[in-house]
Amino acid sequence: ECNVILTAVSIYSRNTKNDQASEIRSNITNKVMSHPEVL
């Protein structure tokens, strides 16, 4: 569709087996994104 060669597709693993991870992620996201310089 784009005539672009992706030589690599790297993986981030997303927590699905740990309920605590969702809460930690939410707390950290709120803290990190409070910085306007963080896009």
ModelCIF file with pLDDT and N, C-alpha, C, O atoms, coordinates in Angstrom:
data_MODEL
#
_entry.id   MODEL 
#
_entity.id                         1 
_entity.type                       polymer 
_entity.pdbx_number_of_molecules   1 
#
_entity_poly.entity_id                      1 
_entity_poly.type                           'polypeptide(L)' 
_entity_poly.nstd_linkage                   no 
_entity_poly.nstd_monomer                   no 
_entity_poly.pdbx_seq_one_letter_code       ECNVILTAVSIYSRNTKNDQASEIRSNITNKVMSHPEVL 
_entity_poly.pdbx_seq_one_letter_code_can   ECNVILTAVSIYSRNTKNDQASEIRSNITNKVMSHPEVL 
_entity_poly.pdbx_strand_id                 A 
#
loop_
_entity_poly_seq.entity_id 
_entity_poly_seq.num 
_entity_poly_seq.mon_id 
_entity_poly_seq.hetero 
1 1  GLU n 
1 2  CYS n 
1 3  ASN n 
1 4  VAL n 
1 5  ILE n 
1 6  LEU n 
1 7  THR n 
1 8  ALA n 
1 9  VAL n 
1 10 SER n 
1 11 ILE n 
1 12 TYR n 
1 13 SER n 
1 14 ARG n 
1 15 ASN n 
1 16 THR n 
1 17 LYS n 
1 18 ASN n 
1 19 ASP n 
1 20 GLN n 
1 21 ALA n 
1 22 SER n 
1 23 GLU n 
1 24 ILE n 
1 25 ARG n 
1 26 SER n 
1 27 ASN n 
1 28 ILE n 
1 29 THR n 
1 30 ASN n 
1 31 LYS n 
1 32 VAL n 
1 33 MET n 
1 34 SER n 
1 35 HIS n 
1 36 PRO n 
1 37 GLU n 
1 38 VAL n 
1 39 LEU n 
#
_struct_asym.id          A 
_struct_asym.entity_id   1 
#
loop_
_ma_qa_metric.id 
_ma_qa_metric.mode 
_ma_qa_metric.name 
_ma_qa_metric.software_group_id 
_ma_qa_metric.type 
1 global pLDDT . pLDDT 
2 local  pLDDT . pLDDT 
#
_ma_qa_metric_global.metric_id      1 
_ma_qa_metric_global.metric_value   92.56 
_ma_qa_metric_global.model_id       1 
_ma_qa_metric_global.ordinal_id     1 
#
loop_
_ma_qa_metric_local.label_asym_id 
_ma_qa_metric_local.label_comp_id 
_ma_qa_metric_local.label_seq_id 
_ma_qa_metric_local.metric_id 
_ma_qa_metric_local.metric_value 
_ma_qa_metric_local.model_id 
_ma_qa_metric_local.ordinal_id 
A GLU 1  2 94.00 1 1  
A CYS 2  2 92.00 1 2  
A ASN 3  2 90.00 1 3  
A VAL 4  2 93.00 1 4  
A ILE 5  2 93.00 1 5  
A LEU 6  2 95.00 1 6  
A THR 7  2 93.00 1 7  
A ALA 8  2 93.00 1 8  
A VAL 9  2 95.00 1 9  
A SER 10 2 94.00 1 10 
A ILE 11 2 95.00 1 11 
A TYR 12 2 95.00 1 12 
A SER 13 2 93.00 1 13 
A ARG 14 2 93.00 1 14 
A ASN 15 2 93.00 1 15 
A THR 16 2 90.00 1 16 
A LYS 17 2 84.00 1 17 
A ASN 18 2 79.00 1 18 
A ASP 19 2 80.00 1 19 
A GLN 20 2 89.00 1 20 
A ALA 21 2 92.00 1 21 
A SER 22 2 90.00 1 22 
A GLU 23 2 92.00 1 23 
A ILE 24 2 94.00 1 24 
A ARG 25 2 93.00 1 25 
A SER 26 2 93.00 1 26 
A ASN 27 2 94.00 1 27 
A ILE 28 2 96.00 1 28 
A THR 29 2 95.00 1 29 
A ASN 30 2 94.00 1 30 
A LYS 31 2 94.00 1 31 
A VAL 32 2 95.00 1 32 
A MET 33 2 95.00 1 33 
A SER 34 2 95.00 1 34 
A HIS 35 2 95.00 1 35 
A PRO 36 2 95.00 1 36 
A GLU 37 2 95.00 1 37 
A VAL 38 2 95.00 1 38 
A LEU 39 2 95.00 1 39 
#
loop_
_atom_site.group_PDB 
_atom_site.id 
_atom_site.type_symbol 
_atom_site.label_atom_id 
_atom_site.label_alt_id 
_atom_site.label_comp_id 
_atom_site.label_asym_id 
_atom_site.label_entity_id 
_atom_site.label_seq_id 
_atom_site.pdbx_PDB_ins_code 
_atom_site.Cartn_x 
_atom_site.Cartn_y 
_atom_site.Cartn_z 
_atom_site.occupancy 
_atom_site.B_iso_or_equiv 
_atom_site.pdbx_formal_charge 
_atom_site.auth_seq_id 
_atom_site.auth_comp_id 
_atom_site.auth_asym_id 
_atom_site.auth_atom_id 
_atom_site.pdbx_PDB_model_num 
ATOM 1   N N  . GLU A 1 1  ? 0.801  -1.226  0.000  1.00 94.00 ? 1  GLU A N  1 
ATOM 2   C CA . GLU A 1 1  ? 0.000  0.000   0.000  1.00 94.00 ? 1  GLU A CA 1 
ATOM 3   C C  . GLU A 1 1  ? 0.836  1.279   0.000  1.00 94.00 ? 1  GLU A C  1 
ATOM 4   O O  . GLU A 1 1  ? 0.363  2.322   -0.452 1.00 94.00 ? 1  GLU A O  1 
ATOM 5   N N  . CYS A 1 2  ? 2.075  1.213   0.501  1.00 92.00 ? 2  CYS A N  1 
ATOM 6   C CA . CYS A 1 2  ? 2.883  2.440   0.636  1.00 92.00 ? 2  CYS A CA 1 
ATOM 7   C C  . CYS A 1 2  ? 4.208  2.375   -0.110 1.00 92.00 ? 2  CYS A C  1 
ATOM 8   O O  . CYS A 1 2  ? 4.929  3.371   -0.175 1.00 92.00 ? 2  CYS A O  1 
ATOM 9   N N  . ASN A 1 3  ? 4.536  1.219   -0.672 1.00 90.00 ? 3  ASN A N  1 
ATOM 10  C CA . ASN A 1 3  ? 5.809  1.023   -1.368 1.00 90.00 ? 3  ASN A CA 1 
ATOM 11  C C  . ASN A 1 3  ? 6.992  1.312   -0.440 1.00 90.00 ? 3  ASN A C  1 
ATOM 12  O O  . ASN A 1 3  ? 8.011  1.854   -0.866 1.00 90.00 ? 3  ASN A O  1 
ATOM 13  N N  . VAL A 1 4  ? 6.842  0.945   0.821  1.00 93.00 ? 4  VAL A N  1 
ATOM 14  C CA . VAL A 1 4  ? 7.887  1.128   1.829  1.00 93.00 ? 4  VAL A CA 1 
ATOM 15  C C  . VAL A 1 4  ? 8.291  -0.246  2.365  1.00 93.00 ? 4  VAL A C  1 
ATOM 16  O O  . VAL A 1 4  ? 7.439  -1.061  2.719  1.00 93.00 ? 4  VAL A O  1 
ATOM 17  N N  . ILE A 1 5  ? 9.593  -0.489  2.420  1.00 93.00 ? 5  ILE A N  1 
ATOM 18  C CA . ILE A 1 5  ? 10.110 -1.768  2.911  1.00 93.00 ? 5  ILE A CA 1 
ATOM 19  C C  . ILE A 1 5  ? 10.417 -1.644  4.401  1.00 93.00 ? 5  ILE A C  1 
ATOM 20  O O  . ILE A 1 5  ? 11.321 -0.908  4.795  1.00 93.00 ? 5  ILE A O  1 
ATOM 21  N N  . LEU A 1 6  ? 9.662  -2.366  5.226  1.00 95.00 ? 6  LEU A N  1 
ATOM 22  C CA . LEU A 1 6  ? 9.964  -2.426  6.663  1.00 95.00 ? 6  LEU A CA 1 
ATOM 23  C C  . LEU A 1 6  ? 10.930 -3.585  6.883  1.00 95.00 ? 6  LEU A C  1 
ATOM 24  O O  . LEU A 1 6  ? 10.535 -4.751  6.861  1.00 95.00 ? 6  LEU A O  1 
ATOM 25  N N  . THR A 1 7  ? 12.180 -3.256  7.093  1.00 93.00 ? 7  THR A N  1 
ATOM 26  C CA . THR A 1 7  ? 13.186 -4.305  7.270  1.00 93.00 ? 7  THR A CA 1 
ATOM 27  C C  . THR A 1 7  ? 13.086 -4.950  8.650  1.00 93.00 ? 7  THR A C  1 
ATOM 28  O O  . THR A 1 7  ? 13.585 -6.055  8.862  1.00 93.00 ? 7  THR A O  1 
ATOM 29  N N  . ALA A 1 8  ? 12.439 -4.257  9.584  1.00 93.00 ? 8  ALA A N  1 
ATOM 30  C CA . ALA A 1 8  ? 12.282 -4.815  10.927 1.00 93.00 ? 8  ALA A CA 1 
ATOM 31  C C  . ALA A 1 8  ? 10.994 -4.320  11.569 1.00 93.00 ? 8  ALA A C  1 
ATOM 32  O O  . ALA A 1 8  ? 10.650 -3.142  11.474 1.00 93.00 ? 8  ALA A O  1 
ATOM 33  N N  . VAL A 1 9  ? 10.289 -5.234  12.223 1.00 95.00 ? 9  VAL A N  1 
ATOM 34  C CA . VAL A 1 9  ? 9.127  -4.886  13.038 1.00 95.00 ? 9  VAL A CA 1 
ATOM 35  C C  . VAL A 1 9  ? 9.439  -5.390  14.443 1.00 95.00 ? 9  VAL A C  1 
ATOM 36  O O  . VAL A 1 9  ? 9.337  -6.583  14.727 1.00 95.00 ? 9  VAL A O  1 
ATOM 37  N N  . SER A 1 10 ? 9.822  -4.453  15.323 1.00 94.00 ? 10 SER A N  1 
ATOM 38  C CA . SER A 1 10 ? 10.215 -4.827  16.685 1.00 94.00 ? 10 SER A CA 1 
ATOM 39  C C  . SER A 1 10 ? 8.996  -4.872  17.603 1.00 94.00 ? 10 SER A C  1 
ATOM 40  O O  . SER A 1 10 ? 7.959  -4.269  17.329 1.00 94.00 ? 10 SER A O  1 
ATOM 41  N N  . ILE A 1 11 ? 9.160  -5.611  18.707 1.00 95.00 ? 11 ILE A N  1 
ATOM 42  C CA . ILE A 1 11 ? 8.017  -5.912  19.570 1.00 95.00 ? 11 ILE A CA 1 
ATOM 43  C C  . ILE A 1 11 ? 8.142  -5.284  20.954 1.00 95.00 ? 11 ILE A C  1 
ATOM 44  O O  . ILE A 1 11 ? 9.181  -5.383  21.608 1.00 95.00 ? 11 ILE A O  1 
ATOM 45  N N  . TYR A 1 12 ? 7.058  -4.634  21.388 1.00 95.00 ? 12 TYR A N  1 
ATOM 46  C CA . TYR A 1 12 ? 6.860  -4.267  22.788 1.00 95.00 ? 12 TYR A CA 1 
ATOM 47  C C  . TYR A 1 12 ? 5.815  -5.241  23.349 1.00 95.00 ? 12 TYR A C  1 
ATOM 48  O O  . TYR A 1 12 ? 4.765  -5.450  22.742 1.00 95.00 ? 12 TYR A O  1 
ATOM 49  N N  . SER A 1 13 ? 6.108  -5.822  24.491 1.00 93.00 ? 13 SER A N  1 
ATOM 50  C CA . SER A 1 13 ? 5.161  -6.734  25.113 1.00 93.00 ? 13 SER A CA 1 
ATOM 51  C C  . SER A 1 13 ? 4.207  -5.953  26.013 1.00 93.00 ? 13 SER A C  1 
ATOM 52  O O  . SER A 1 13 ? 4.643  -5.135  26.823 1.00 93.00 ? 13 SER A O  1 
ATOM 53  N N  . ARG A 1 14 ? 2.908  -6.204  25.870 1.00 93.00 ? 14 ARG A N  1 
ATOM 54  C CA . ARG A 1 14 ? 1.907  -5.496  26.660 1.00 93.00 ? 14 ARG A CA 1 
ATOM 55  C C  . ARG A 1 14 ? 1.333  -6.419  27.744 1.00 93.00 ? 14 ARG A C  1 
ATOM 56  O O  . ARG A 1 14 ? 0.902  -7.536  27.455 1.00 93.00 ? 14 ARG A O  1 
ATOM 57  N N  . ASN A 1 15 ? 1.335  -5.938  28.991 1.00 93.00 ? 15 ASN A N  1 
ATOM 58  C CA . ASN A 1 15 ? 0.830  -6.744  30.102 1.00 93.00 ? 15 ASN A CA 1 
ATOM 59  C C  . ASN A 1 15 ? -0.640 -7.110  29.923 1.00 93.00 ? 15 ASN A C  1 
ATOM 60  O O  . ASN A 1 15 ? -1.483 -6.240  29.704 1.00 93.00 ? 15 ASN A O  1 
ATOM 61  N N  . THR A 1 16 ? -0.941 -8.410  30.019 1.00 90.00 ? 16 THR A N  1 
ATOM 62  C CA . THR A 1 16 ? -2.330 -8.870  29.996 1.00 90.00 ? 16 THR A CA 1 
ATOM 63  C C  . THR A 1 16 ? -2.584 -9.864  31.134 1.00 90.00 ? 16 THR A C  1 
ATOM 64  O O  . THR A 1 16 ? -3.736 -10.173 31.441 1.00 90.00 ? 16 THR A O  1 
ATOM 65  N N  . LYS A 1 17 ? -1.511 -10.366 31.763 1.00 84.00 ? 17 LYS A N  1 
ATOM 66  C CA . LYS A 1 17 ? -1.639 -11.403 32.801 1.00 84.00 ? 17 LYS A CA 1 
ATOM 67  C C  . LYS A 1 17 ? -1.463 -10.838 34.212 1.00 84.00 ? 17 LYS A C  1 
ATOM 68  O O  . LYS A 1 17 ? -1.479 -11.582 35.192 1.00 84.00 ? 17 LYS A O  1 
ATOM 69  N N  . ASN A 1 18 ? -1.296 -9.515  34.303 1.00 79.00 ? 18 ASN A N  1 
ATOM 70  C CA . ASN A 1 18 ? -1.016 -8.905  35.607 1.00 79.00 ? 18 ASN A CA 1 
ATOM 71  C C  . ASN A 1 18 ? -1.930 -7.699  35.806 1.00 79.00 ? 18 ASN A C  1 
ATOM 72  O O  . ASN A 1 18 ? -1.766 -6.670  35.150 1.00 79.00 ? 18 ASN A O  1 
ATOM 73  N N  . ASP A 1 19 ? -2.896 -7.835  36.722 1.00 80.00 ? 19 ASP A N  1 
ATOM 74  C CA . ASP A 1 19 ? -3.854 -6.752  36.968 1.00 80.00 ? 19 ASP A CA 1 
ATOM 75  C C  . ASP A 1 19 ? -3.177 -5.524  37.571 1.00 80.00 ? 19 ASP A C  1 
ATOM 76  O O  . ASP A 1 19 ? -3.608 -4.396  37.329 1.00 80.00 ? 19 ASP A O  1 
ATOM 77  N N  . GLN A 1 20 ? -2.115 -5.736  38.358 1.00 89.00 ? 20 GLN A N  1 
ATOM 78  C CA . GLN A 1 20 ? -1.421 -4.628  39.000 1.00 89.00 ? 20 GLN A CA 1 
ATOM 79  C C  . GLN A 1 20 ? -0.749 -3.725  37.955 1.00 89.00 ? 20 GLN A C  1 
ATOM 80  O O  . GLN A 1 20 ? -0.593 -2.524  38.176 1.00 89.00 ? 20 GLN A O  1 
ATOM 81  N N  . ALA A 1 21 ? -0.359 -4.305  36.832 1.00 92.00 ? 21 ALA A N  1 
ATOM 82  C CA . ALA A 1 21 ? 0.344  -3.563  35.796 1.00 92.00 ? 21 ALA A CA 1 
ATOM 83  C C  . ALA A 1 21 ? -0.504 -2.435  35.232 1.00 92.00 ? 21 ALA A C  1 
ATOM 84  O O  . ALA A 1 21 ? 0.015  -1.365  34.917 1.00 92.00 ? 21 ALA A O  1 
ATOM 85  N N  . SER A 1 22 ? -1.804 -2.668  35.104 1.00 90.00 ? 22 SER A N  1 
ATOM 86  C CA . SER A 1 22 ? -2.703 -1.652  34.546 1.00 90.00 ? 22 SER A CA 1 
ATOM 87  C C  . SER A 1 22 ? -2.748 -0.415  35.440 1.00 90.00 ? 22 SER A C  1 
ATOM 88  O O  . SER A 1 22 ? -2.740 0.715   34.952 1.00 90.00 ? 22 SER A O  1 
ATOM 89  N N  . GLU A 1 23 ? -2.796 -0.636  36.741 1.00 92.00 ? 23 GLU A N  1 
ATOM 90  C CA . GLU A 1 23 ? -2.829 0.490   37.686 1.00 92.00 ? 23 GLU A CA 1 
ATOM 91  C C  . GLU A 1 23 ? -1.508 1.261   37.666 1.00 92.00 ? 23 GLU A C  1 
ATOM 92  O O  . GLU A 1 23 ? -1.496 2.492   37.670 1.00 92.00 ? 23 GLU A O  1 
ATOM 93  N N  . ILE A 1 24 ? -0.398 0.522   37.646 1.00 94.00 ? 24 ILE A N  1 
ATOM 94  C CA . ILE A 1 24 ? 0.925  1.153   37.618 1.00 94.00 ? 24 ILE A CA 1 
ATOM 95  C C  . ILE A 1 24 ? 1.084  1.969   36.339 1.00 94.00 ? 24 ILE A C  1 
ATOM 96  O O  . ILE A 1 24 ? 1.583  3.095   36.355 1.00 94.00 ? 24 ILE A O  1 
ATOM 97  N N  . ARG A 1 25 ? 0.657  1.388   35.259 1.00 93.00 ? 25 ARG A N  1 
ATOM 98  C CA . ARG A 1 25 ? 0.768  2.095   33.959 1.00 93.00 ? 25 ARG A CA 1 
ATOM 99  C C  . ARG A 1 25 ? -0.021 3.394   33.986 1.00 93.00 ? 25 ARG A C  1 
ATOM 100 O O  . ARG A 1 25 ? 0.466  4.425   33.522 1.00 93.00 ? 25 ARG A O  1 
ATOM 101 N N  . SER A 1 26 ? -1.228 3.355   34.522 1.00 93.00 ? 26 SER A N  1 
ATOM 102 C CA . SER A 1 26 ? -2.085 4.544   34.575 1.00 93.00 ? 26 SER A CA 1 
ATOM 103 C C  . SER A 1 26 ? -1.448 5.631   35.440 1.00 93.00 ? 26 SER A C  1 
ATOM 104 O O  . SER A 1 26 ? -1.443 6.804   35.065 1.00 93.00 ? 26 SER A O  1 
ATOM 105 N N  . ASN A 1 27 ? -0.916 5.242   36.587 1.00 94.00 ? 27 ASN A N  1 
ATOM 106 C CA . ASN A 1 27 ? -0.292 6.214   37.493 1.00 94.00 ? 27 ASN A CA 1 
ATOM 107 C C  . ASN A 1 27 ? 0.935  6.862   36.859 1.00 94.00 ? 27 ASN A C  1 
ATOM 108 O O  . ASN A 1 27 ? 1.119  8.077   36.931 1.00 94.00 ? 27 ASN A O  1 
ATOM 109 N N  . ILE A 1 28 ? 1.767  6.035   36.242 1.00 96.00 ? 28 ILE A N  1 
ATOM 110 C CA . ILE A 1 28 ? 2.990  6.559   35.627 1.00 96.00 ? 28 ILE A CA 1 
ATOM 111 C C  . ILE A 1 28 ? 2.663  7.431   34.422 1.00 96.00 ? 28 ILE A C  1 
ATOM 112 O O  . ILE A 1 28 ? 3.302  8.462   34.209 1.00 96.00 ? 28 ILE A O  1 
ATOM 113 N N  . THR A 1 29 ? 1.670  7.022   33.632 1.00 95.00 ? 29 THR A N  1 
ATOM 114 C CA . THR A 1 29 ? 1.280  7.806   32.449 1.00 95.00 ? 29 THR A CA 1 
ATOM 115 C C  . THR A 1 29 ? 0.833  9.203   32.861 1.00 95.00 ? 29 THR A C  1 
ATOM 116 O O  . THR A 1 29 ? 1.232  10.190  32.245 1.00 95.00 ? 29 THR A O  1 
ATOM 117 N N  . ASN A 1 30 ? 0.008  9.290   33.898 1.00 94.00 ? 30 ASN A N  1 
ATOM 118 C CA . ASN A 1 30 ? -0.456 10.595  34.376 1.00 94.00 ? 30 ASN A CA 1 
ATOM 119 C C  . ASN A 1 30 ? 0.709  11.469  34.831 1.00 94.00 ? 30 ASN A C  1 
ATOM 120 O O  . ASN A 1 30 ? 0.732  12.671  34.570 1.00 94.00 ? 30 ASN A O  1 
ATOM 121 N N  . LYS A 1 31 ? 1.668  10.858  35.510 1.00 94.00 ? 31 LYS A N  1 
ATOM 122 C CA . LYS A 1 31 ? 2.827  11.596  36.010 1.00 94.00 ? 31 LYS A CA 1 
ATOM 123 C C  . LYS A 1 31 ? 3.716  12.070  34.854 1.00 94.00 ? 31 LYS A C  1 
ATOM 124 O O  . LYS A 1 31 ? 4.128  13.229  34.807 1.00 94.00 ? 31 LYS A O  1 
ATOM 125 N N  . VAL A 1 32 ? 4.000  11.164  33.936 1.00 95.00 ? 32 VAL A N  1 
ATOM 126 C CA . VAL A 1 32 ? 4.910  11.471  32.812 1.00 95.00 ? 32 VAL A CA 1 
ATOM 127 C C  . VAL A 1 32 ? 4.306  12.510  31.876 1.00 95.00 ? 32 VAL A C  1 
ATOM 128 O O  . VAL A 1 32 ? 4.978  13.463  31.480 1.00 95.00 ? 32 VAL A O  1 
ATOM 129 N N  . MET A 1 33 ? 3.031  12.323  31.523 1.00 95.00 ? 33 MET A N  1 
ATOM 130 C CA . MET A 1 33 ? 2.401  13.205  30.543 1.00 95.00 ? 33 MET A CA 1 
ATOM 131 C C  . MET A 1 33 ? 2.014  14.559  31.136 1.00 95.00 ? 33 MET A C  1 
ATOM 132 O O  . MET A 1 33 ? 1.492  15.415  30.422 1.00 95.00 ? 33 MET A O  1 
ATOM 133 N N  . SER A 1 34 ? 2.259  14.762  32.422 1.00 95.00 ? 34 SER A N  1 
ATOM 134 C CA . SER A 1 34 ? 2.045  16.085  33.012 1.00 95.00 ? 34 SER A CA 1 
ATOM 135 C C  . SER A 1 34 ? 3.139  17.054  32.574 1.00 95.00 ? 34 SER A C  1 
ATOM 136 O O  . SER A 1 34 ? 3.010  18.266  32.748 1.00 95.00 ? 34 SER A O  1 
ATOM 137 N N  . HIS A 1 35 ? 4.214  16.513  32.007 1.00 95.00 ? 35 HIS A N  1 
ATOM 138 C CA . HIS A 1 35 ? 5.280  17.345  31.454 1.00 95.00 ? 35 HIS A CA 1 
ATOM 139 C C  . HIS A 1 35 ? 4.913  17.713  30.015 1.00 95.00 ? 35 HIS A C  1 
ATOM 140 O O  . HIS A 1 35 ? 4.817  16.822  29.172 1.00 95.00 ? 35 HIS A O  1 
ATOM 141 N N  . PRO A 1 36 ? 4.706  18.991  29.708 1.00 95.00 ? 36 PRO A N  1 
ATOM 142 C CA . PRO A 1 36 ? 4.301  19.372  28.343 1.00 95.00 ? 36 PRO A CA 1 
ATOM 143 C C  . PRO A 1 36 ? 5.365  19.037  27.288 1.00 95.00 ? 36 PRO A C  1 
ATOM 144 O O  . PRO A 1 36 ? 5.049  18.918  26.104 1.00 95.00 ? 36 PRO A O  1 
ATOM 145 N N  . GLU A 1 37 ? 6.624  18.886  27.718 1.00 95.00 ? 37 GLU A N  1 
ATOM 146 C CA . GLU A 1 37 ? 7.697  18.574  26.759 1.00 95.00 ? 37 GLU A CA 1 
ATOM 147 C C  . GLU A 1 37 ? 7.649  17.115  26.308 1.00 95.00 ? 37 GLU A C  1 
ATOM 148 O O  . GLU A 1 37 ? 8.231  16.762  25.282 1.00 95.00 ? 37 GLU A O  1 
ATOM 149 N N  . VAL A 1 38 ? 6.956  16.267  27.072 1.00 95.00 ? 38 VAL A N  1 
ATOM 150 C CA . VAL A 1 38 ? 6.841  14.852  26.714 1.00 95.00 ? 38 VAL A CA 1 
ATOM 151 C C  . VAL A 1 38 ? 5.686  14.690  25.735 1.00 95.00 ? 38 VAL A C  1 
ATOM 152 O O  . VAL A 1 38 ? 4.528  14.932  26.077 1.00 95.00 ? 38 VAL A O  1 
ATOM 153 N N  . LEU A 1 39 ? 6.010  14.284  24.533 1.00 95.00 ? 39 LEU A N  1 
ATOM 154 C CA . LEU A 1 39 ? 4.997  14.183  23.477 1.00 95.00 ? 39 LEU A CA 1 
ATOM 155 C C  . LEU A 1 39 ? 4.276  12.842  23.499 1.00 95.00 ? 39 LEU A C  1 
ATOM 156 O O  . LEU A 1 39 ? 3.395  12.601  22.674 1.00 95.00 ? 39 LEU A O  1 
#
